[in-house]
Protein backbone atom coordinates (compact mmCIF):
# COMPACT_ATOMS: atom_id res chain seq x y z
CA MET A 1 -25.65 -58.62 23.52
CA GLY A 2 -25.27 -61.90 21.70
CA GLN A 3 -25.46 -62.53 18.01
CA PRO A 4 -29.02 -62.42 16.64
CA THR A 5 -30.57 -65.68 15.55
CA ASP A 6 -33.11 -66.40 12.86
CA SER A 7 -35.76 -66.93 15.52
CA SER A 8 -35.23 -63.74 17.55
CA PRO A 9 -36.32 -60.19 16.76
CA ARG A 10 -33.66 -57.68 15.88
CA GLU A 11 -33.27 -54.24 14.40
CA GLU A 12 -30.77 -55.49 11.82
CA PRO A 13 -28.38 -58.46 11.71
CA GLY A 14 -25.15 -57.63 13.53
CA VAL A 15 -25.92 -54.08 14.63
CA TYR A 16 -26.92 -52.06 17.68
CA GLY A 17 -30.06 -54.08 18.37
CA VAL A 18 -31.88 -55.28 21.46
CA THR A 19 -32.11 -58.99 20.67
CA ALA A 20 -32.52 -61.35 23.63
CA LEU A 21 -29.30 -62.79 25.05
CA ALA A 22 -29.79 -66.40 26.10
CA GLY A 23 -28.20 -67.43 29.39
CA GLN A 24 -28.56 -67.21 33.13
CA LEU A 25 -31.45 -65.11 34.40
CA ALA A 26 -30.34 -62.01 36.27
CA VAL A 27 -32.10 -59.18 38.04
CA ILE A 28 -30.92 -55.72 37.04
CA THR A 29 -32.39 -52.76 38.86
CA LEU A 30 -32.61 -49.12 37.82
CA ALA A 31 -29.22 -47.41 37.68
CA ALA A 32 -28.77 -45.03 40.60
CA CYS A 33 -27.32 -41.54 40.41
CA SER A 34 -23.84 -41.29 41.89
CA ARG A 35 -22.55 -38.03 43.30
CA GLY A 36 -19.59 -39.47 45.13
CA GLY A 37 -16.76 -36.99 45.50
CA GLN A 38 -18.78 -33.94 44.51
CA SER A 39 -18.66 -30.85 46.65
CA GLN A 40 -21.89 -29.15 47.62
CA PRO A 41 -21.31 -26.20 45.24
CA ASP A 42 -20.80 -28.66 42.37
CA SER A 43 -23.98 -30.50 43.32
CA ALA A 44 -26.01 -27.29 43.39
CA ARG A 45 -24.52 -26.20 40.07
CA ASP A 46 -25.37 -29.54 38.50
CA ASP A 47 -28.94 -29.34 39.81
CA GLU A 48 -29.39 -25.93 38.22
CA ARG A 49 -27.88 -27.01 34.92
CA PHE A 50 -30.20 -30.00 34.58
CA ALA A 51 -33.15 -27.87 35.72
CA ALA A 52 -32.30 -25.57 32.80
CA VAL A 53 -32.54 -28.55 30.45
CA GLU A 54 -35.98 -29.40 31.82
CA ARG A 55 -37.10 -25.81 31.39
CA ALA A 56 -35.81 -25.77 27.81
CA VAL A 57 -37.62 -28.97 26.86
CA PHE A 58 -40.71 -29.16 29.06
CA ALA A 59 -41.21 -25.44 29.85
CA THR A 60 -41.12 -24.02 33.38
CA ASP A 61 -44.84 -24.27 34.05
CA SER A 62 -45.22 -27.91 32.99
CA ALA A 63 -42.02 -29.73 33.95
CA SER A 64 -43.21 -30.77 37.40
CA ARG A 65 -46.44 -32.21 35.98
CA ILE A 66 -44.87 -34.53 33.42
CA ASP A 67 -44.86 -38.08 34.80
CA ALA A 68 -43.72 -39.84 31.63
CA ILE A 69 -43.16 -39.32 27.92
CA ALA A 70 -44.48 -41.60 25.17
CA LEU A 71 -42.47 -41.74 21.96
CA GLU A 72 -43.43 -43.51 18.75
CA ALA A 73 -41.19 -43.54 15.71
CA ALA A 74 -41.01 -44.89 12.20
CA ALA A 75 -37.46 -46.16 11.81
CA VAL A 76 -35.30 -47.04 8.82
CA GLY A 77 -32.08 -49.04 9.09
CA PRO A 78 -29.57 -50.15 6.48
CA ARG A 79 -31.55 -53.27 5.64
CA ARG A 80 -35.19 -52.76 6.65
CA SER A 81 -37.79 -50.57 8.33
CA PHE A 82 -39.40 -51.04 11.73
CA ARG A 83 -41.44 -49.18 14.33
CA THR A 84 -40.36 -48.23 17.83
CA ARG A 85 -42.45 -47.29 20.87
CA VAL A 86 -41.01 -46.06 24.18
CA ILE A 87 -42.88 -45.09 27.34
CA SER A 88 -40.40 -43.61 29.80
CA ALA A 89 -41.10 -42.33 33.32
CA ARG A 90 -39.26 -39.60 35.17
CA ASP A 91 -37.84 -42.08 37.69
CA GLY A 92 -36.36 -44.37 35.02
CA ARG A 93 -39.12 -46.95 34.60
CA LEU A 94 -39.41 -47.84 30.94
CA ARG A 95 -41.38 -49.93 28.45
CA PHE A 96 -39.76 -50.49 25.06
CA GLU A 97 -41.30 -52.14 21.99
CA GLN A 98 -40.16 -52.71 18.43
CA SER A 99 -42.20 -54.27 15.64
CA PHE A 100 -40.81 -55.51 12.34
CA GLY A 101 -43.89 -56.79 10.54
CA GLU A 102 -45.30 -60.30 10.08
CA GLY A 103 -45.77 -60.69 13.83
CA GLU A 104 -42.10 -60.12 14.66
CA ILE A 105 -41.86 -58.01 17.81
CA TYR A 106 -39.50 -57.33 20.69
CA VAL A 107 -40.66 -56.03 24.09
CA ALA A 108 -38.60 -55.07 27.14
CA ALA A 109 -39.22 -53.28 30.42
CA ILE A 110 -37.04 -51.80 33.14
CA GLY A 111 -38.45 -51.33 36.64
CA PRO A 112 -37.32 -50.93 40.26
CA SER A 113 -37.33 -54.68 40.91
CA GLY A 114 -35.72 -55.87 37.68
CA ALA A 115 -35.85 -55.91 33.90
CA TRP A 116 -37.13 -58.38 31.32
CA GLU A 117 -37.31 -58.93 27.57
CA TRP A 118 -39.57 -60.94 25.30
CA ASP A 119 -39.21 -62.11 21.73
CA GLY A 120 -42.82 -62.15 20.59
CA ARG A 121 -42.39 -65.59 19.04
CA SER A 122 -40.94 -67.14 22.20
CA PRO A 123 -43.05 -69.02 24.76
CA THR A 124 -41.03 -67.53 27.63
CA VAL A 125 -39.89 -64.19 29.00
CA ALA A 126 -36.23 -63.77 29.95
CA ALA A 127 -34.48 -61.49 32.41
CA LEU A 128 -32.71 -58.68 30.61
CA SER A 129 -28.93 -58.97 30.58
CA ALA A 130 -26.71 -56.02 31.43
CA ALA A 131 -25.80 -55.67 27.75
CA GLY A 132 -29.48 -55.76 26.84
CA LEU A 133 -30.35 -53.18 29.47
CA SER A 134 -27.69 -50.85 28.10
CA ALA A 135 -29.04 -51.26 24.55
CA VAL A 136 -32.65 -50.66 25.60
CA ARG A 137 -31.63 -47.62 27.64
CA GLY A 138 -29.80 -46.29 24.60
CA HIS A 139 -33.24 -46.06 22.93
CA ASP A 140 -34.67 -44.01 25.82
CA PHE A 141 -33.90 -40.99 23.60
CA LEU A 142 -35.62 -37.94 25.14
CA MET A 143 -35.79 -38.85 28.84
CA LEU A 144 -32.25 -40.23 28.80
CA ALA A 145 -31.06 -36.81 27.64
CA VAL A 146 -33.29 -34.73 29.92
CA LEU A 147 -33.02 -36.82 33.11
CA PRO A 148 -29.77 -38.80 32.89
CA ARG A 149 -29.21 -38.87 36.66
CA THR A 150 -32.25 -41.14 37.12
CA ARG A 151 -30.95 -43.59 34.50
CA LEU A 152 -27.16 -43.60 34.58
CA VAL A 153 -24.26 -43.23 36.96
CA PHE A 154 -23.56 -39.51 36.74
CA GLU A 155 -19.96 -38.35 37.16
CA ARG A 156 -19.61 -34.67 36.29
CA LEU A 157 -20.40 -31.86 33.89
CA GLN A 158 -18.00 -30.74 31.20
CA ASP A 159 -18.03 -27.16 29.93
CA SER A 160 -16.75 -25.72 26.65
CA VAL A 161 -17.00 -28.82 24.50
CA ALA A 162 -18.32 -29.19 20.95
CA PHE A 163 -20.83 -31.49 19.28
CA ASP A 164 -20.86 -31.48 15.48
CA LEU A 165 -18.89 -28.21 15.70
CA ALA A 166 -21.65 -26.57 17.81
CA PRO A 167 -20.64 -25.02 21.17
CA ALA A 168 -21.93 -27.33 23.88
CA TRP A 169 -21.63 -28.62 27.40
CA ALA A 170 -21.78 -32.29 28.36
CA ALA A 171 -22.79 -34.66 31.12
CA LYS A 172 -20.22 -37.40 31.65
CA CYS A 173 -21.90 -40.59 32.85
CA ARG A 174 -21.43 -44.36 32.86
CA ASP A 175 -23.85 -47.08 31.79
CA VAL A 176 -24.83 -50.18 33.76
CA LEU A 177 -21.63 -51.94 32.65
CA GLY A 178 -19.42 -49.00 33.58
CA ALA A 179 -18.74 -47.83 30.03
CA PRO A 180 -18.53 -44.06 29.43
CA LEU A 181 -21.62 -42.32 28.12
CA ARG A 182 -21.69 -38.60 27.28
CA ILE A 183 -24.74 -36.46 26.64
CA TYR A 184 -24.31 -33.12 24.87
CA TYR A 185 -26.42 -29.96 25.23
CA ASP A 186 -26.58 -26.79 23.19
CA GLY A 187 -24.52 -24.12 24.89
CA ALA A 188 -27.09 -21.41 24.19
CA THR A 189 -30.48 -23.14 24.48
CA ASN A 190 -29.69 -26.14 26.75
CA LEU A 191 -31.60 -28.41 24.36
CA PRO A 192 -30.08 -31.88 23.97
CA LEU A 193 -27.90 -32.28 20.89
CA GLY A 194 -27.11 -35.98 21.15
CA TYR A 195 -25.20 -38.60 23.08
CA GLU A 196 -22.48 -41.22 22.69
CA VAL A 197 -23.04 -44.75 24.01
CA ARG A 198 -21.23 -48.08 23.96
CA ASN A 199 -22.53 -51.09 22.04
CA HIS A 200 -22.00 -54.16 24.25
CA ASN A 201 -23.57 -56.81 22.00
CA GLY A 202 -20.31 -57.86 20.37
CA ALA A 203 -21.60 -57.29 16.83
CA GLY A 204 -20.97 -54.23 14.73
CA ALA A 205 -19.07 -51.10 15.72
CA GLU A 206 -18.58 -50.56 19.44
CA ASP A 207 -19.28 -46.83 19.50
CA VAL A 208 -22.77 -45.51 18.81
CA ARG A 209 -23.61 -41.84 18.38
CA ALA A 210 -27.16 -40.48 18.66
CA VAL A 211 -27.90 -37.12 17.03
CA PHE A 212 -31.18 -35.29 17.61
CA GLY A 213 -32.79 -33.70 14.58
CA PRO A 214 -34.49 -30.30 14.60
CA TRP A 215 -36.53 -29.34 17.66
CA ALA A 216 -39.99 -27.82 17.29
CA ARG A 217 -42.53 -26.35 19.68
CA GLN A 218 -45.51 -28.55 20.49
CA ASP A 219 -48.01 -26.97 22.86
CA ASP A 220 -45.77 -25.57 25.63
CA ARG A 221 -42.94 -28.06 25.06
CA MET A 222 -40.03 -28.50 22.69
CA VAL A 223 -39.87 -31.89 20.97
CA PRO A 224 -37.34 -33.44 18.60
CA ARG A 225 -38.57 -34.36 15.16
CA SER A 226 -36.09 -37.19 14.79
CA VAL A 227 -32.97 -38.88 16.08
CA THR A 228 -30.30 -40.68 14.08
CA LEU A 229 -28.13 -43.46 15.50
CA HIS A 230 -24.71 -43.74 13.85
CA GLN A 231 -22.87 -47.04 14.32
CA GLY A 232 -19.82 -47.29 12.13
CA ALA A 233 -21.04 -46.97 8.54
CA ASP A 234 -24.62 -47.85 9.52
CA ARG A 235 -27.34 -45.27 10.17
CA TYR A 236 -30.71 -45.72 11.85
CA GLU A 237 -33.19 -42.91 11.25
CA PHE A 238 -36.01 -42.58 13.80
CA THR A 239 -38.74 -40.11 12.74
CA PHE A 240 -41.04 -39.40 15.66
CA THR A 241 -44.76 -39.68 14.97
CA ARG A 242 -45.75 -39.17 18.62
CA VAL A 243 -44.07 -37.30 21.46
CA GLU A 244 -46.40 -36.50 24.32
CA PRO A 245 -46.71 -36.64 28.12
CA VAL A 246 -48.56 -39.61 29.60
CA THR A 247 -49.07 -41.26 32.98
CA PHE A 248 -46.84 -44.29 33.50
CA SER A 249 -48.76 -47.30 34.77
CA ASP A 250 -46.91 -50.10 36.57
CA SER A 251 -48.97 -52.51 34.47
CA LEU A 252 -46.49 -51.68 31.69
CA LEU A 253 -43.82 -53.50 33.72
CA ILE A 254 -45.77 -56.78 33.89
CA PRO A 255 -44.29 -59.40 31.53
CA PRO A 256 -46.72 -60.82 28.97
CA ARG A 257 -45.82 -64.34 30.17
CA PRO A 258 -44.24 -65.70 33.38
CA PHE A 259 -40.49 -66.10 33.82
CA ARG A 260 -39.23 -69.63 33.39
CA ARG A 261 -37.23 -70.52 36.51
């Protein structure tokens, strides 16, 4: 996305943020899963592998009942603290909010008919750029890792790889701008280990690496306690204060103010 300005919300100046990008309004729909070129055995194998991830995280008897996950986190960046809230549906619909104190907020949503963003101090809502959509999706944390084929262009699985020296397997995908995105899973438990995404905002390091912290059992599910985003020398620590299933309401996709056309 573009360079942050003094009047627009941001995680930190010049880093992997989700600041509004001024410019032409565009409609960006949910990324569709691509299985082009896959043979039927590969498709069936992929289905089973991702089903194993769902079983590992959501448990066999509850996976089919989970419509959406709500995440809330206290976050600390190199220069200040902020709070993050994500409500993410199985099918890729998403509501994303960040608050920085003193009324400074950023809100974005991704739905089947388009995506928008709002700087809480702006009188207008803007359509979310492709770079902005990629940044917001990079904060989809849990559901991005568990259900990548509803959010990204899926290419193939990769066996016998490593993530922080741990034996792993990976899902090779592409984001809305076609950049590579890999998600890594524990080779023994199938729990997500982390993912690597591209920063398209033109500020800070281009490569961003997300690393899940320890997983713990909550009711009949496994939940991460934290996730850390590494961007060059900068680190962003997200400590989850809420991880629980919810019902996603389409009212979450309604902009707080009308689009200016």
